[in-house]
């Protein structure tokens, strides 16, 4: 059985964990009414996770450029191979687009992003109240698209494991 490298597996699961945590925290923090210390803390954590996902996305692309992923199982239908390849391309686009859209949404609100409370990220745009609602909507749509893609990806992996029994899931497990 062809497996992903240990580095690819680590980057995959670390990215997945952070995406799920950032998504969950995003739902929680936006449900908190008013401007509370807890809400501000959650927003900071959410941003830190997003910046970390963006950094991991860069590492993943560099790793992927120098390491060929294992081939699809021969038993896999051609349409499934194409769908899996398209899903992976979409994931790579989204793991960049979601944090970048959140970053610009934050900047449009006039709030700097200070990673881990230590390093201020560059301010690439001035506050823009007119653009803020559009950037918020873009971030939301991209995030929900990511959530749907993660769900579809997980269901496909479980289908391969329990129904097809073709080893697709096992090659990404530690």
Protein backbone atom coordinates (compact mmCIF):
# COMPACT_ATOMS: atom_id res chain seq x y z
CA UNK A 1 0.00 0.00 0.00
CA UNK A 2 1.34 3.41 -0.97
CA UNK A 3 1.27 5.87 1.94
CA UNK A 4 1.70 9.59 2.37
CA UNK A 5 4.94 10.70 4.01
CA UNK A 6 5.00 11.29 7.76
CA UNK A 7 5.41 15.01 7.10
CA UNK A 8 2.39 15.09 4.77
CA UNK A 9 0.33 13.19 7.35
CA UNK A 10 1.38 15.59 10.13
CA UNK A 11 0.60 18.66 8.01
CA UNK A 12 -2.76 17.19 6.95
CA UNK A 13 -3.99 16.39 10.47
CA UNK A 14 -2.61 19.54 12.06
CA UNK A 15 -4.27 21.67 9.37
CA UNK A 16 -7.53 19.72 9.71
CA UNK A 17 -7.55 20.11 13.49
CA UNK A 18 -6.92 23.85 13.28
CA UNK A 19 -9.59 24.33 10.61
CA UNK A 20 -12.19 22.48 12.70
CA UNK A 21 -11.21 24.43 15.84
CA UNK A 22 -11.22 27.79 14.03
CA UNK A 23 -14.59 27.01 12.45
CA UNK A 24 -16.11 25.96 15.78
CA UNK A 25 -14.67 28.98 17.56
CA UNK A 26 -15.97 31.21 14.76
CA UNK A 27 -19.50 29.91 15.34
CA UNK A 28 -19.21 30.38 19.11
CA UNK A 29 -17.68 33.86 19.04
CA UNK A 30 -20.18 35.28 16.56
CA UNK A 31 -23.05 34.11 18.79
CA UNK A 32 -21.76 36.10 21.78
CA UNK A 33 -23.79 39.31 22.08
CA UNK A 34 -22.02 42.60 22.63
CA UNK A 35 -18.32 43.27 22.95
CA UNK A 36 -17.12 41.19 25.89
CA UNK A 37 -13.60 40.23 27.00
CA UNK A 38 -14.39 36.61 26.17
CA UNK A 39 -15.54 37.51 22.67
CA UNK A 40 -12.39 39.58 22.06
CA UNK A 41 -10.24 36.69 23.32
CA UNK A 42 -12.03 34.23 21.01
CA UNK A 43 -11.58 36.56 18.03
CA UNK A 44 -7.85 36.71 18.77
CA UNK A 45 -7.61 32.93 19.02
CA UNK A 46 -9.62 32.55 15.81
CA UNK A 47 -7.24 34.88 13.98
CA UNK A 48 -4.20 33.09 15.38
CA UNK A 49 -5.56 29.78 14.13
CA UNK A 50 -6.23 31.32 10.72
CA UNK A 51 -2.70 32.70 10.45
CA UNK A 52 -1.31 29.31 11.51
CA UNK A 53 -3.45 27.54 8.87
CA UNK A 54 -2.08 29.97 6.28
CA UNK A 55 1.48 29.18 7.36
CA UNK A 56 0.79 25.45 7.25
CA UNK A 57 -0.77 25.90 3.81
CA UNK A 58 2.51 27.37 2.58
CA UNK A 59 4.43 24.44 4.06
CA UNK A 60 1.98 21.98 2.52
CA UNK A 61 2.41 23.49 -0.95
CA UNK A 62 6.20 23.40 -0.64
CA UNK A 63 6.06 19.79 0.55
CA UNK A 64 3.64 18.78 -2.18
CA UNK A 65 5.84 20.38 -4.86
CA UNK A 66 8.73 18.16 -3.85
CA UNK A 67 6.85 14.98 -2.87
CA UNK A 68 4.43 13.13 -5.14
CA UNK A 69 1.32 11.87 -3.35
CA UNK A 70 0.53 8.17 -3.55
CA UNK A 71 -1.48 7.12 -6.59
CA UNK A 72 -5.19 6.47 -6.39
CA UNK A 73 -6.09 2.80 -6.03
CA UNK A 74 -6.44 1.04 -9.38
CA UNK A 75 -9.91 -0.09 -8.34
CA UNK A 76 -11.11 3.50 -8.00
CA UNK A 77 -13.46 4.71 -10.76
CA UNK A 78 -12.11 7.40 -13.08
CA UNK A 79 -14.81 9.87 -12.02
CA UNK A 80 -13.85 9.34 -8.37
CA UNK A 81 -10.19 10.00 -9.14
CA UNK A 82 -11.12 13.22 -10.92
CA UNK A 83 -13.44 14.23 -8.07
CA UNK A 84 -10.72 13.53 -5.48
CA UNK A 85 -8.17 15.55 -7.47
CA UNK A 86 -10.64 18.43 -7.85
CA UNK A 87 -11.42 18.31 -4.11
CA UNK A 88 -7.72 18.53 -3.27
CA UNK A 89 -7.27 21.53 -5.56
CA UNK A 90 -10.29 23.17 -3.92
CA UNK A 91 -8.84 22.48 -0.46
CA UNK A 92 -5.56 24.12 -1.40
CA UNK A 93 -7.41 27.17 -2.72
CA UNK A 94 -9.59 27.36 0.40
CA UNK A 95 -6.79 26.91 2.95
CA UNK A 96 -5.32 30.08 1.48
CA UNK A 97 -8.52 31.96 0.64
CA UNK A 98 -10.33 31.56 3.97
CA UNK A 99 -7.56 33.02 6.18
CA UNK A 100 -6.68 35.72 3.63
CA UNK A 101 -10.34 36.79 3.37
CA UNK A 102 -10.58 36.90 7.17
CA UNK A 103 -7.39 38.95 7.33
CA UNK A 104 -8.70 41.54 4.88
CA UNK A 105 -12.09 41.58 6.60
CA UNK A 106 -10.31 42.34 9.89
CA UNK A 107 -8.20 45.07 8.30
CA UNK A 108 -11.30 46.63 6.70
CA UNK A 109 -12.72 46.92 10.21
CA UNK A 110 -9.59 48.82 11.27
CA UNK A 111 -8.35 46.06 13.55
CA UNK A 112 -4.74 44.91 13.25
CA UNK A 113 -3.90 41.21 13.43
CA UNK A 114 -1.34 40.56 16.16
CA UNK A 115 -0.21 36.93 15.88
CA UNK A 116 -0.12 35.24 19.29
CA UNK A 117 -0.29 38.71 20.81
CA UNK A 118 3.36 39.20 19.83
CA UNK A 119 3.79 40.02 16.13
CA UNK A 120 1.63 42.49 14.24
CA UNK A 121 1.02 41.37 10.68
CA UNK A 122 1.48 44.01 8.00
CA UNK A 123 -1.45 46.34 7.50
CA UNK A 124 -2.07 45.99 3.75
CA UNK A 125 -5.15 48.19 3.57
CA UNK A 126 -6.67 51.11 5.41
CA UNK A 127 -9.93 50.67 7.30
CA UNK A 128 -12.76 50.58 4.80
CA UNK A 129 -16.29 50.54 6.28
CA UNK A 130 -17.81 50.36 2.78
CA UNK A 131 -15.83 47.22 1.87
CA UNK A 132 -16.22 45.54 5.28
CA UNK A 133 -19.67 43.93 4.64
CA UNK A 134 -18.52 42.47 1.32
CA UNK A 135 -15.34 41.05 2.86
CA UNK A 136 -17.35 39.63 5.75
CA UNK A 137 -19.69 37.90 3.28
CA UNK A 138 -16.76 36.56 1.24
CA UNK A 139 -15.13 35.16 4.38
CA UNK A 140 -18.43 33.58 5.44
CA UNK A 141 -19.14 31.98 2.05
CA UNK A 142 -15.59 30.65 1.74
CA UNK A 143 -15.75 29.30 5.30
CA UNK A 144 -19.06 27.52 4.69
CA UNK A 145 -17.69 26.14 1.42
CA UNK A 146 -14.70 24.82 3.38
CA UNK A 147 -17.01 23.26 5.98
CA UNK A 148 -19.02 21.50 3.26
CA UNK A 149 -15.81 20.32 1.58
CA UNK A 150 -14.41 18.99 4.87
CA UNK A 151 -17.63 17.09 5.50
CA UNK A 152 -17.66 15.63 1.97
CA UNK A 153 -13.96 14.72 2.28
CA UNK A 154 -14.51 12.96 5.61
CA UNK A 155 -17.55 11.07 4.29
CA UNK A 156 -15.64 10.00 1.18
CA UNK A 157 -12.73 8.77 3.33
CA UNK A 158 -15.15 6.76 5.50
CA UNK A 159 -16.83 5.34 2.39
CA UNK A 160 -13.44 4.21 1.06
CA UNK A 161 -12.60 2.67 4.42
CA UNK A 162 -15.83 0.89 5.33
CA UNK A 163 -17.50 0.20 1.98
CA UNK A 164 -14.74 0.04 -0.65
CA UNK A 165 -12.08 -1.24 1.80
CA UNK A 166 -9.40 0.05 -0.58
CA UNK A 167 -6.93 1.50 1.95
CA UNK A 168 -7.42 5.14 0.97
CA UNK A 169 -8.01 6.25 4.56
CA UNK A 170 -5.24 4.09 6.05
CA UNK A 171 -2.57 5.75 3.91
CA UNK A 172 -3.29 9.08 5.65
CA UNK A 173 -3.51 7.70 9.17
CA UNK A 174 -0.46 8.09 11.45
